[in-house]
Protein backbone atom coordinates (compact mmCIF):
# COMPACT_ATOMS: atom_id res chain seq x y z
CA MET A 1 -4.30 -8.78 -16.74
CA GLU A 2 -0.71 -9.27 -15.68
CA LEU A 3 0.22 -8.97 -12.01
CA TYR A 4 3.42 -7.62 -10.47
CA VAL A 5 3.51 -8.58 -6.78
CA SER A 6 6.44 -8.27 -4.40
CA VAL A 7 7.73 -11.65 -3.24
CA HIS A 8 9.98 -10.34 -0.46
CA ARG A 9 9.08 -8.84 2.89
CA GLU A 10 9.60 -5.09 2.79
CA ASP A 11 10.68 -4.88 6.43
CA ALA A 12 13.04 -7.87 6.46
CA HIS A 13 16.00 -5.85 7.72
CA ALA A 14 14.10 -3.15 9.64
CA PRO A 15 14.59 -3.31 13.41
CA ARG A 16 11.49 -3.97 15.44
CA CYS A 17 10.50 -1.20 17.82
CA TYR A 18 9.67 -3.73 20.55
CA GLU A 19 12.88 -5.76 20.24
CA TYR A 20 15.14 -4.94 23.20
CA ARG A 21 17.55 -7.85 22.97
CA PRO A 22 20.92 -7.20 21.32
CA LEU A 23 21.07 -8.30 17.72
CA ASP A 24 23.79 -10.94 17.35
CA LYS A 25 23.54 -11.35 13.63
CA ILE A 26 21.59 -10.00 10.72
CA LYS A 27 19.06 -12.48 9.42
CA MET A 28 19.57 -13.23 5.78
CA PRO A 29 16.48 -13.29 3.58
CA LYS A 30 15.06 -16.71 2.80
CA ARG A 31 15.81 -18.21 -0.59
CA LEU A 32 12.87 -18.50 -2.92
CA ARG A 33 12.16 -22.10 -3.86
CA ASP A 34 8.57 -21.99 -5.08
CA PRO A 35 8.64 -21.79 -8.90
CA VAL A 36 5.80 -19.26 -8.94
CA LEU A 37 7.68 -16.93 -6.55
CA VAL A 38 10.93 -17.37 -8.49
CA ALA A 39 9.14 -16.47 -11.73
CA MET A 40 7.56 -13.39 -10.10
CA ALA A 41 10.94 -12.26 -8.71
CA LYS A 42 12.47 -12.64 -12.18
CA LYS A 43 9.59 -10.69 -13.71
CA LEU A 44 10.02 -7.88 -11.15
CA LYS A 45 13.77 -7.63 -11.84
CA SER A 46 13.18 -6.93 -15.52
CA PRO A 47 13.25 -3.24 -16.57
CA GLU A 48 9.57 -3.36 -17.52
CA GLY A 49 8.65 -4.99 -14.20
CA ARG A 50 10.58 -2.41 -12.19
CA ALA A 51 8.92 0.46 -14.04
CA LEU A 52 5.41 -0.94 -13.60
CA TYR A 53 5.93 -1.82 -9.93
CA ARG A 54 7.40 1.62 -9.22
CA ARG A 55 4.41 3.27 -10.90
CA GLY A 56 2.01 1.25 -8.75
CA VAL A 57 3.85 2.16 -5.56
CA CYS A 58 3.65 5.85 -6.46
CA THR A 59 -0.02 5.88 -7.47
CA VAL A 60 -1.89 3.32 -5.37
CA GLU A 61 -0.17 2.89 -2.02
CA PRO A 62 -0.26 6.57 -0.91
CA VAL A 63 -4.06 6.43 -1.11
CA PHE A 64 -4.14 3.66 1.50
CA GLY A 65 -1.72 5.63 3.68
CA VAL A 66 -3.95 8.71 3.59
CA ILE A 67 -7.04 6.63 4.32
CA GLN A 68 -5.36 5.03 7.34
CA ALA A 69 -3.35 7.90 8.80
CA VAL A 70 -5.18 11.10 7.84
CA LEU A 71 -8.79 9.97 7.68
CA GLY A 72 -8.44 7.56 10.61
CA PHE A 73 -9.73 4.41 8.95
CA GLY A 74 -7.16 1.99 10.37
CA GLN A 75 -9.38 -1.08 10.38
CA LEU A 76 -12.79 -2.24 9.28
CA LEU A 77 -15.48 -2.18 11.94
CA LEU A 78 -18.14 -4.35 10.29
CA ARG A 79 -18.34 -8.01 9.25
CA GLY A 80 -19.70 -9.62 6.14
CA LEU A 81 -18.91 -8.88 2.50
CA LYS A 82 -21.90 -6.61 1.95
CA LYS A 83 -21.26 -4.53 5.08
CA VAL A 84 -17.51 -4.32 4.45
CA GLY A 85 -18.21 -3.25 0.87
CA GLY A 86 -20.41 -0.46 2.18
CA GLU A 87 -17.74 0.58 4.66
CA TRP A 88 -15.10 0.67 1.90
CA ALA A 89 -17.45 2.75 -0.23
CA LEU A 90 -17.78 5.28 2.61
CA MET A 91 -13.99 5.38 3.06
CA TYR A 92 -13.39 6.06 -0.61
CA LEU A 93 -16.20 8.60 -0.69
CA ALA A 94 -14.54 10.46 2.20
CA TYR A 95 -11.16 10.28 0.45
CA ASN A 96 -12.58 11.50 -2.86
CA VAL A 97 -14.48 14.40 -1.24
CA LYS A 98 -11.30 15.44 0.58
CA ARG A 99 -9.32 15.20 -2.65
CA LEU A 100 -11.91 17.17 -4.65
CA HIS A 101 -11.88 19.89 -2.00
CA GLN A 102 -8.07 20.15 -2.23
CA LEU A 103 -8.13 20.24 -6.03
CA ALA A 104 -10.88 22.86 -6.09
CA ALA A 105 -8.98 25.02 -3.60
CA GLY A 106 -5.89 24.76 -5.80
CA LEU A 107 -7.88 25.95 -8.81
CA GLY A 108 -9.43 28.81 -6.83
CA LEU A 109 -13.04 27.68 -7.14
CA ALA A 110 -15.50 29.58 -4.93
CA TRP A 111 -17.12 26.55 -3.26
CA ALA A 112 -13.78 25.21 -2.02
CA GLY A 113 -13.64 27.03 1.18
């Protein structure tokens, strides 16, 4: 399995909502010196890396946004791997039921609403 992981902060140039001091200068991003991070950045800049990373952003990350914002699961409430695993299972069950309901309504199935 080959990984494609961002090596830069996504919000490096985004202004902070709690920062009230005037910004004197724009902070430049840090240079990558770790060979592993440099290799990952090079891999992400390739056409294949860009395509795969873009596909992951479009397919995986919106699910986490819906789980946090729409379903209200912003943080885990339990501790321990077994309990957290159960909590994640409930979150994904809720997401999948919601998604199935939307898909069934779009197809005009009788049980959808």
